[in-house]
Amino acid sequence: MNWWGKLLGSSVGLLAGPIGALIGGYFGHQFDEKNFPIEDEKKAKVLYYAYFFSAAAKIAKANGNISAEEIEQVESIIKRMELSPSLEKFAKDVFRKSKASKRSIDQDFKECAELVQYNQSIGTSFLGGLFEIANCENKKPSNAQIQCLLSGQEHFRMPKGTVRSWYTGGYANAQSLMGQKDLSSCYEILGVSPEASFPEIKNSYRTKISALHPDKLESKQLPAELVVFAKEQVVQLNLAFEKIKQIKIK
C-alpha cells in the first residue's frame, strides 16, 4: 500500500452530512474505479481540502461573522494552492456549506491530523493557512480564533509555542520580506533577538527549518499544493537567515 493508501485508513467522520454529499459528488465525477493508486492519492487530497476549507469557514466565523477580508483571503489561498477548476469549485462549496455547519473545528483538526499521520509539514501548512485567515483584518484577532489555532497545534502534535511564536513575528508568509529594508522582520522570523550570537541564530534557523526542508517534503511524495505554506516558510526562513548572515559574519 502506498503512503496515500495508508492515509485513507483513517476514520473520516466528515463524510457524513452536507460536506459528505459534496465529497461523494466529487468522487462520483472524478474517479476511475479501475485506477486504484491514483484514486487513493486523489481521495486523500480531496479529503484534505474538505477538512481545510471546513476549518477555514469555522475560524473565519469564530469572531462572530465572516468578513469580506476573510473571504478575500480564502480566495487568495485557493489561488496559491493552484487548484484545478473542479477542485476550486469544490473548495468554495465546502467553505460555503461549512459556514452553517454545527460540526466543531476540533473534529476537523482531529480527523485531518489522523488522516495525514501527524505530518509536521502538512500540519504547518494547514494551520498556517488558518493563521493567515485569522489575521487578515486590520485588527487584533479574537481570542476565539487564537484558541482555535492553539487547539489545532495540539491536535497536529506540533511543538508547543508554535502558534504563539507566529503571533510574535515568527510566521513567514510569502510577503514577509517583500520590500523589507531593515533586519527586524528577519530576526522575528527566526525567533531571535538582534543581540543573539551567530551560532544561536544558526541553531534557531536549523531548528525551524528541519521539519520543513524540501528534501523531507519530497521524500513523503507530498503534493506541492498541500504544503504550499510550509514551502513558503522554507523560502522566507532561508532569505531571513542569509540577510542576517551577511551582517553577522562581515
C-alpha atoms as a PDB file:
ATOM      1  CA  MET A   1       0.000   0.000   0.000  1.00  0.00           C
ATOM      2  CA  ASN A   2       1.403   3.429  -0.904  1.00  0.00           C
ATOM      3  CA  TRP A   3       1.656   6.312   1.549  1.00  0.00           C
ATOM      4  CA  TRP A   4      -1.652   7.760   0.311  1.00  0.00           C
ATOM      5  CA  GLY A   5      -3.384   4.441   0.795  1.00  0.00           C
ATOM      6  CA  LYS A   6      -2.225   4.421   4.410  1.00  0.00           C
ATOM      7  CA  LEU A   7      -3.687   7.874   4.906  1.00  0.00           C
ATOM      8  CA  LEU A   8      -7.080   6.637   3.814  1.00  0.00           C
ATOM      9  CA  GLY A   9      -7.100   4.061   6.608  1.00  0.00           C
ATOM     10  CA  SER A  10      -8.198   6.829   8.997  1.00  0.00           C
ATOM     11  CA  SER A  11     -11.745   7.283  10.185  1.00  0.00           C
ATOM     12  CA  VAL A  12     -13.381  10.091   8.227  1.00  0.00           C
ATOM     13  CA  GLY A  13     -16.441  11.459  10.008  1.00  0.00           C
ATOM     14  CA  LEU A  14     -16.548  14.364   7.600  1.00  0.00           C
ATOM     15  CA  LEU A  15     -18.221  12.053   5.077  1.00  0.00           C
ATOM     16  CA  ALA A  16     -21.490  12.458   6.971  1.00  0.00           C
ATOM     17  CA  GLY A  17     -23.810  15.405   6.324  1.00  0.00           C
ATOM     18  CA  PRO A  18     -23.741  18.093   3.629  1.00  0.00           C
ATOM     19  CA  ILE A  19     -19.946  18.123   3.263  1.00  0.00           C
ATOM     20  CA  GLY A  20     -20.020  14.373   2.780  1.00  0.00           C
ATOM     21  CA  ALA A  21     -22.514  14.875  -0.029  1.00  0.00           C
ATOM     22  CA  LEU A  22     -20.094  17.293  -1.724  1.00  0.00           C
ATOM     23  CA  ILE A  23     -17.250  14.805  -1.338  1.00  0.00           C
ATOM     24  CA  GLY A  24     -19.370  11.970  -2.680  1.00  0.00           C
ATOM     25  CA  GLY A  25     -20.430  14.083  -5.632  1.00  0.00           C
ATOM     26  CA  TYR A  26     -16.833  14.970  -6.423  1.00  0.00           C
ATOM     27  CA  PHE A  27     -15.702  11.360  -6.144  1.00  0.00           C
ATOM     28  CA  GLY A  28     -18.522  10.219  -8.393  1.00  0.00           C
ATOM     29  CA  HIS A  29     -17.471  12.522 -11.200  1.00  0.00           C
ATOM     30  CA  GLN A  30     -13.702  12.497 -10.836  1.00  0.00           C
ATOM     31  CA  PHE A  31     -12.538   8.968 -10.026  1.00  0.00           C
ATOM     32  CA  ASP A  32     -11.857   5.899 -12.122  1.00  0.00           C
ATOM     33  CA  GLU A  33     -12.549   2.816 -10.021  1.00  0.00           C
ATOM     34  CA  LYS A  34     -10.057   0.774 -12.100  1.00  0.00           C
ATOM     35  CA  ASN A  35      -7.108   3.030 -11.222  1.00  0.00           C
ATOM     36  CA  PHE A  36      -6.704   2.463  -7.505  1.00  0.00           C
ATOM     37  CA  PRO A  37      -3.262   4.087  -6.806  1.00  0.00           C
ATOM     38  CA  ILE A  38      -4.280   7.351  -8.448  1.00  0.00           C
ATOM     39  CA  GLU A  39      -7.680   7.145  -6.803  1.00  0.00           C
ATOM     40  CA  ASP A  40      -6.085   6.781  -3.363  1.00  0.00           C
ATOM     41  CA  GLU A  41      -3.936   9.864  -3.924  1.00  0.00           C
ATOM     42  CA  LYS A  42      -6.827  11.932  -5.216  1.00  0.00           C
ATOM     43  CA  LYS A  43      -9.132  10.813  -2.423  1.00  0.00           C
ATOM     44  CA  ALA A  44      -6.599  11.790   0.237  1.00  0.00           C
ATOM     45  CA  LYS A  45      -6.074  15.217  -1.344  1.00  0.00           C
ATOM     46  CA  VAL A  46      -9.794  15.881  -1.724  1.00  0.00           C
ATOM     47  CA  LEU A  47     -10.376  14.911   1.901  1.00  0.00           C
ATOM     48  CA  TYR A  48      -7.562  17.252   2.957  1.00  0.00           C
ATOM     49  CA  TYR A  49      -9.173  20.129   1.063  1.00  0.00           C
ATOM     50  CA  ALA A  50     -12.519  19.305   2.630  1.00  0.00           C
ATOM     51  CA  TYR A  51     -11.017  19.456   6.123  1.00  0.00           C
ATOM     52  CA  PHE A  52      -9.069  22.623   5.389  1.00  0.00           C
ATOM     53  CA  PHE A  53     -11.900  24.663   3.904  1.00  0.00           C
ATOM     54  CA  SER A  54     -14.336  23.359   6.503  1.00  0.00           C
ATOM     55  CA  ALA A  55     -11.953  24.596   9.218  1.00  0.00           C
ATOM     56  CA  ALA A  56     -11.359  27.835   7.271  1.00  0.00           C
ATOM     57  CA  ALA A  57     -15.064  28.691   7.449  1.00  0.00           C
ATOM     58  CA  LYS A  58     -15.136  27.975  11.171  1.00  0.00           C
ATOM     59  CA  ILE A  59     -12.089  30.060  12.054  1.00  0.00           C
ATOM     60  CA  ALA A  60     -13.375  32.945   9.927  1.00  0.00           C
ATOM     61  CA  LYS A  61     -16.710  32.727  11.737  1.00  0.00           C
ATOM     62  CA  ALA A  62     -15.140  32.320  15.198  1.00  0.00           C
ATOM     63  CA  ASN A  63     -15.067  36.094  15.768  1.00  0.00           C
ATOM     64  CA  GLY A  64     -18.808  36.364  15.156  1.00  0.00           C
ATOM     65  CA  ASN A  65     -19.081  36.895  11.424  1.00  0.00           C
ATOM     66  CA  ILE A  66     -17.218  36.240   8.195  1.00  0.00           C
ATOM     67  CA  SER A  67     -15.843  39.474   6.756  1.00  0.00           C
ATOM     68  CA  ALA A  68     -15.149  40.439   3.170  1.00  0.00           C
ATOM     69  CA  GLU A  69     -11.419  40.464   4.023  1.00  0.00           C
ATOM     70  CA  GLU A  70     -11.593  36.866   5.254  1.00  0.00           C
ATOM     71  CA  ILE A  71     -13.418  35.726   2.116  1.00  0.00           C
ATOM     72  CA  GLU A  72     -10.795  37.503   0.011  1.00  0.00           C
ATOM     73  CA  GLN A  73      -8.039  35.757   1.974  1.00  0.00           C
ATOM     74  CA  VAL A  74      -9.634  32.351   1.369  1.00  0.00           C
ATOM     75  CA  GLU A  75      -9.790  33.103  -2.356  1.00  0.00           C
ATOM     76  CA  SER A  76      -6.113  34.118  -2.254  1.00  0.00           C
ATOM     77  CA  ILE A  77      -5.221  30.807  -0.597  1.00  0.00           C
ATOM     78  CA  ILE A  78      -7.095  28.894  -3.291  1.00  0.00           C
ATOM     79  CA  LYS A  79      -5.056  30.687  -5.951  1.00  0.00           C
ATOM     80  CA  ARG A  80      -1.785  29.962  -4.157  1.00  0.00           C
ATOM     81  CA  MET A  81      -2.725  26.278  -3.986  1.00  0.00           C
ATOM     82  CA  GLU A  82      -3.149  26.359  -7.785  1.00  0.00           C
ATOM     83  CA  LEU A  83      -6.200  24.110  -7.655  1.00  0.00           C
ATOM     84  CA  SER A  84      -7.828  22.789 -10.796  1.00  0.00           C
ATOM     85  CA  PRO A  85     -11.172  24.431 -11.740  1.00  0.00           C
ATOM     86  CA  SER A  86     -13.125  21.453 -10.373  1.00  0.00           C
ATOM     87  CA  LEU A  87     -11.208  21.444  -7.069  1.00  0.00           C
ATOM     88  CA  GLU A  88     -11.528  25.225  -6.796  1.00  0.00           C
ATOM     89  CA  LYS A  89     -15.304  24.903  -7.085  1.00  0.00           C
ATOM     90  CA  PHE A  90     -15.258  22.061  -4.558  1.00  0.00           C
ATOM     91  CA  ALA A  91     -13.207  24.140  -2.078  1.00  0.00           C
ATOM     92  CA  LYS A  92     -15.572  27.105  -2.372  1.00  0.00           C
ATOM     93  CA  ASP A  93     -18.616  24.850  -1.962  1.00  0.00           C
ATOM     94  CA  VAL A  94     -17.146  23.301   1.199  1.00  0.00           C
ATOM     95  CA  PHE A  95     -16.370  26.738   2.622  1.00  0.00           C
ATOM     96  CA  ARG A  96     -19.899  27.950   1.850  1.00  0.00           C
ATOM     97  CA  LYS A  97     -21.601  24.863   3.322  1.00  0.00           C
ATOM     98  CA  SER A  98     -19.395  24.896   6.415  1.00  0.00           C
ATOM     99  CA  LYS A  99     -20.461  28.410   7.388  1.00  0.00           C
ATOM    100  CA  ALA A 100     -23.691  26.998   8.828  1.00  0.00           C
ATOM    101  CA  SER A 101     -22.293  23.644   9.977  1.00  0.00           C
ATOM    102  CA  LYS A 102     -22.645  22.609  13.608  1.00  0.00           C
ATOM    103  CA  ARG A 103     -19.602  20.390  13.305  1.00  0.00           C
ATOM    104  CA  SER A 104     -16.764  21.648  15.525  1.00  0.00           C
ATOM    105  CA  ILE A 105     -13.380  22.740  14.222  1.00  0.00           C
ATOM    106  CA  ASP A 106     -11.842  20.292  16.712  1.00  0.00           C
ATOM    107  CA  GLN A 107     -13.406  17.438  14.746  1.00  0.00           C
ATOM    108  CA  ASP A 108     -11.794  18.764  11.572  1.00  0.00           C
ATOM    109  CA  PHE A 109      -8.430  19.042  13.328  1.00  0.00           C
ATOM    110  CA  LYS A 110      -8.616  15.593  14.913  1.00  0.00           C
ATOM    111  CA  GLU A 111      -9.643  13.723  11.758  1.00  0.00           C
ATOM    112  CA  CYS A 112      -7.296  15.611   9.417  1.00  0.00           C
ATOM    113  CA  ALA A 113      -4.356  15.077  11.770  1.00  0.00           C
ATOM    114  CA  GLU A 114      -5.115  11.357  11.775  1.00  0.00           C
ATOM    115  CA  LEU A 115      -5.548  11.365   8.006  1.00  0.00           C
ATOM    116  CA  VAL A 116      -2.075  12.843   7.404  1.00  0.00           C
ATOM    117  CA  GLN A 117      -0.495  10.830  10.224  1.00  0.00           C
ATOM    118  CA  TYR A 118       0.539  14.000  12.096  1.00  0.00           C
ATOM    119  CA  ASN A 119       2.947  15.005   9.326  1.00  0.00           C
ATOM    120  CA  GLN A 120       4.529  18.262  10.522  1.00  0.00           C
ATOM    121  CA  SER A 121       4.867  19.796   7.058  1.00  0.00           C
ATOM    122  CA  ILE A 122       1.195  19.307   6.281  1.00  0.00           C
ATOM    123  CA  GLY A 123       0.257  20.421   9.799  1.00  0.00           C
ATOM    124  CA  THR A 124       2.228  23.630   9.319  1.00  0.00           C
ATOM    125  CA  SER A 125       0.510  24.289   6.007  1.00  0.00           C
ATOM    126  CA  PHE A 126      -2.941  23.554   7.440  1.00  0.00           C
ATOM    127  CA  LEU A 127      -2.550  25.818  10.474  1.00  0.00           C
ATOM    128  CA  GLY A 128      -0.543  28.390   8.508  1.00  0.00           C
ATOM    129  CA  GLY A 129      -3.444  28.922   6.133  1.00  0.00           C
ATOM    130  CA  LEU A 130      -5.869  29.289   9.043  1.00  0.00           C
ATOM    131  CA  PHE A 131      -3.477  31.694  10.766  1.00  0.00           C
ATOM    132  CA  GLU A 132      -3.485  33.920   7.686  1.00  0.00           C
ATOM    133  CA  ILE A 133      -7.294  33.926   7.619  1.00  0.00           C
ATOM    134  CA  ALA A 134      -7.496  34.787  11.320  1.00  0.00           C
ATOM    135  CA  ASN A 135      -5.063  37.690  10.896  1.00  0.00           C
ATOM    136  CA  CYS A 136      -6.071  39.160   7.543  1.00  0.00           C
ATOM    137  CA  GLU A 137      -8.098  42.025   9.008  1.00  0.00           C
ATOM    138  CA  ASN A 138      -6.528  45.220  10.301  1.00  0.00           C
ATOM    139  CA  LYS A 139      -7.475  44.473  13.869  1.00  0.00           C
ATOM    140  CA  LYS A 140      -6.463  42.221  16.715  1.00  0.00           C
ATOM    141  CA  PRO A 141      -7.609  38.608  16.165  1.00  0.00           C
ATOM    142  CA  SER A 142     -10.291  37.412  18.543  1.00  0.00           C
ATOM    143  CA  ASN A 143      -9.486  35.153  21.477  1.00  0.00           C
ATOM    144  CA  ALA A 144     -11.780  32.555  19.915  1.00  0.00           C
ATOM    145  CA  GLN A 145      -9.651  32.454  16.772  1.00  0.00           C
ATOM    146  CA  ILE A 146      -6.436  32.179  18.779  1.00  0.00           C
ATOM    147  CA  GLN A 147      -7.914  29.326  20.804  1.00  0.00           C
ATOM    148  CA  CYS A 148      -8.879  27.540  17.585  1.00  0.00           C
ATOM    149  CA  LEU A 149      -5.291  27.737  16.360  1.00  0.00           C
ATOM    150  CA  LEU A 150      -3.926  26.535  19.699  1.00  0.00           C
ATOM    151  CA  SER A 151      -6.322  23.596  19.564  1.00  0.00           C
ATOM    152  CA  GLY A 152      -5.093  22.798  16.067  1.00  0.00           C
ATOM    153  CA  GLN A 153      -1.496  22.914  17.292  1.00  0.00           C
ATOM    154  CA  GLU A 154      -2.360  20.303  19.902  1.00  0.00           C
ATOM    155  CA  HIS A 155      -4.287  18.029  17.529  1.00  0.00           C
ATOM    156  CA  PHE A 156      -1.498  18.066  14.922  1.00  0.00           C
ATOM    157  CA  ARG A 157       1.044  17.422  17.704  1.00  0.00           C
ATOM    158  CA  MET A 158       3.123  20.415  16.719  1.00  0.00           C
ATOM    159  CA  PRO A 159       5.761  21.786  19.111  1.00  0.00           C
ATOM    160  CA  LYS A 160       4.286  23.814  21.952  1.00  0.00           C
ATOM    161  CA  GLY A 161       4.676  27.519  21.368  1.00  0.00           C
ATOM    162  CA  THR A 162       4.443  27.285  17.570  1.00  0.00           C
ATOM    163  CA  VAL A 163       1.306  29.405  17.255  1.00  0.00           C
ATOM    164  CA  ARG A 164       2.484  31.849  19.934  1.00  0.00           C
ATOM    165  CA  SER A 165       5.742  32.331  18.034  1.00  0.00           C
ATOM    166  CA  TRP A 166       3.753  33.172  14.897  1.00  0.00           C
ATOM    167  CA  TYR A 167       1.992  35.938  16.784  1.00  0.00           C
ATOM    168  CA  THR A 168       5.302  37.444  17.864  1.00  0.00           C
ATOM    169  CA  GLY A 169       6.524  37.692  14.287  1.00  0.00           C
ATOM    170  CA  GLY A 170       7.769  34.176  13.629  1.00  0.00           C
ATOM    171  CA  TYR A 171       5.341  33.363  10.829  1.00  0.00           C
ATOM    172  CA  ALA A 172       6.964  33.707   7.423  1.00  0.00           C
ATOM    173  CA  ASN A 173       4.420  34.145   4.649  1.00  0.00           C
ATOM    174  CA  ALA A 174       5.068  34.999   1.018  1.00  0.00           C
ATOM    175  CA  GLN A 175       5.090  38.753   1.704  1.00  0.00           C
ATOM    176  CA  SER A 176       7.128  38.741   4.933  1.00  0.00           C
ATOM    177  CA  LEU A 177      10.339  40.141   3.499  1.00  0.00           C
ATOM    178  CA  MET A 178       8.995  41.743   0.345  1.00  0.00           C
ATOM    179  CA  GLY A 179      10.336  45.275   0.294  1.00  0.00           C
ATOM    180  CA  GLN A 180      11.682  44.983   3.834  1.00  0.00           C
ATOM    181  CA  LYS A 181      14.787  47.203   4.149  1.00  0.00           C
ATOM    182  CA  ASP A 182      15.712  46.570   7.789  1.00  0.00           C
ATOM    183  CA  LEU A 183      16.535  43.350   9.590  1.00  0.00           C
ATOM    184  CA  SER A 184      13.768  43.423  12.193  1.00  0.00           C
ATOM    185  CA  SER A 185      11.462  41.048  10.331  1.00  0.00           C
ATOM    186  CA  CYS A 186      14.365  38.675   9.679  1.00  0.00           C
ATOM    187  CA  TYR A 187      15.108  38.350  13.387  1.00  0.00           C
ATOM    188  CA  GLU A 188      11.401  37.910  14.128  1.00  0.00           C
ATOM    189  CA  ILE A 189      11.043  35.139  11.537  1.00  0.00           C
ATOM    190  CA  LEU A 190      13.998  33.258  13.022  1.00  0.00           C
ATOM    191  CA  GLY A 191      12.748  33.895  16.565  1.00  0.00           C
ATOM    192  CA  VAL A 192      15.948  35.525  17.809  1.00  0.00           C
ATOM    193  CA  SER A 193      16.970  38.942  19.066  1.00  0.00           C
ATOM    194  CA  PRO A 194      19.383  41.241  17.206  1.00  0.00           C
ATOM    195  CA  GLU A 195      21.826  40.715  20.102  1.00  0.00           C
ATOM    196  CA  ALA A 196      21.948  36.930  19.572  1.00  0.00           C
ATOM    197  CA  SER A 197      25.265  35.397  18.539  1.00  0.00           C
ATOM    198  CA  PHE A 198      25.593  33.897  15.078  1.00  0.00           C
ATOM    199  CA  PRO A 199      25.761  30.300  16.475  1.00  0.00           C
ATOM    200  CA  GLU A 200      22.488  30.975  18.337  1.00  0.00           C
ATOM    201  CA  ILE A 201      20.888  32.350  15.177  1.00  0.00           C
ATOM    202  CA  LYS A 202      22.132  29.407  13.130  1.00  0.00           C
ATOM    203  CA  ASN A 203      20.767  26.932  15.685  1.00  0.00           C
ATOM    204  CA  SER A 204      17.338  28.610  15.646  1.00  0.00           C
ATOM    205  CA  TYR A 205      17.316  28.571  11.848  1.00  0.00           C
ATOM    206  CA  ARG A 206      18.172  24.866  11.719  1.00  0.00           C
ATOM    207  CA  THR A 207      15.532  24.017  14.316  1.00  0.00           C
ATOM    208  CA  LYS A 208      12.783  25.877  12.465  1.00  0.00           C
ATOM    209  CA  ILE A 209      13.623  24.570   9.022  1.00  0.00           C
ATOM    210  CA  SER A 210      14.345  20.933   9.933  1.00  0.00           C
ATOM    211  CA  ALA A 211      10.758  19.665   9.700  1.00  0.00           C
ATOM    212  CA  LEU A 212      10.026  21.787   6.624  1.00  0.00           C
ATOM    213  CA  HIS A 213      13.085  21.051   4.499  1.00  0.00           C
ATOM    214  CA  PRO A 214      12.225  20.389   0.832  1.00  0.00           C
ATOM    215  CA  ASP A 215      14.078  17.040   0.911  1.00  0.00           C
ATOM    216  CA  LYS A 216      11.740  15.840   3.643  1.00  0.00           C
ATOM    217  CA  LEU A 217       8.686  17.045   1.763  1.00  0.00           C
ATOM    218  CA  GLU A 218       9.815  15.254  -1.395  1.00  0.00           C
ATOM    219  CA  SER A 219      10.643  12.039   0.471  1.00  0.00           C
ATOM    220  CA  LYS A 220       6.998  11.842   1.529  1.00  0.00           C
ATOM    221  CA  GLN A 221       5.824  12.485  -2.042  1.00  0.00           C
ATOM    222  CA  LEU A 222       3.581  15.255  -0.760  1.00  0.00           C
ATOM    223  CA  PRO A 223       1.852  17.306  -3.468  1.00  0.00           C
ATOM    224  CA  ALA A 224       3.053  20.906  -3.588  1.00  0.00           C
ATOM    225  CA  GLU A 225      -0.471  22.267  -3.120  1.00  0.00           C
ATOM    226  CA  LEU A 226      -0.827  20.514   0.249  1.00  0.00           C
ATOM    227  CA  VAL A 227       2.352  22.058   1.641  1.00  0.00           C
ATOM    228  CA  VAL A 228       2.240  25.454  -0.034  1.00  0.00           C
ATOM    229  CA  PHE A 229       2.536  27.365   3.256  1.00  0.00           C
ATOM    230  CA  ALA A 230       5.347  25.148   4.551  1.00  0.00           C
ATOM    231  CA  LYS A 231       7.329  25.674   1.343  1.00  0.00           C
ATOM    232  CA  GLU A 232       6.763  29.432   1.523  1.00  0.00           C
ATOM    233  CA  GLN A 233       8.157  29.392   5.060  1.00  0.00           C
ATOM    234  CA  VAL A 234      11.243  27.494   3.868  1.00  0.00           C
ATOM    235  CA  VAL A 235      11.886  30.239   1.306  1.00  0.00           C
ATOM    236  CA  GLN A 236      11.404  33.039   3.815  1.00  0.00           C
ATOM    237  CA  LEU A 237      13.488  31.351   6.526  1.00  0.00           C
ATOM    238  CA  ASN A 238      16.333  30.997   4.025  1.00  0.00           C
ATOM    239  CA  LEU A 239      16.032  34.647   2.977  1.00  0.00           C
ATOM    240  CA  ALA A 240      15.974  35.828   6.589  1.00  0.00           C
ATOM    241  CA  PHE A 241      18.989  33.716   7.539  1.00  0.00           C
ATOM    242  CA  GLU A 242      21.017  34.875   4.540  1.00  0.00           C
ATOM    243  CA  LYS A 243      20.281  38.548   5.268  1.00  0.00           C
ATOM    244  CA  ILE A 244      21.368  38.204   8.883  1.00  0.00           C
ATOM    245  CA  LYS A 245      24.433  36.128   7.957  1.00  0.00           C
ATOM    246  CA  GLN A 246      25.685  38.900   5.679  1.00  0.00           C
ATOM    247  CA  ILE A 247      25.663  41.267   8.651  1.00  0.00           C
ATOM    248  CA  LYS A 248      26.917  38.910  11.351  1.00  0.00           C
ATOM    249  CA  ILE A 249      29.931  37.387   9.581  1.00  0.00           C
ATOM    250  CA  LYS A 250      31.390  40.504   7.970  1.00  0.00           C
END
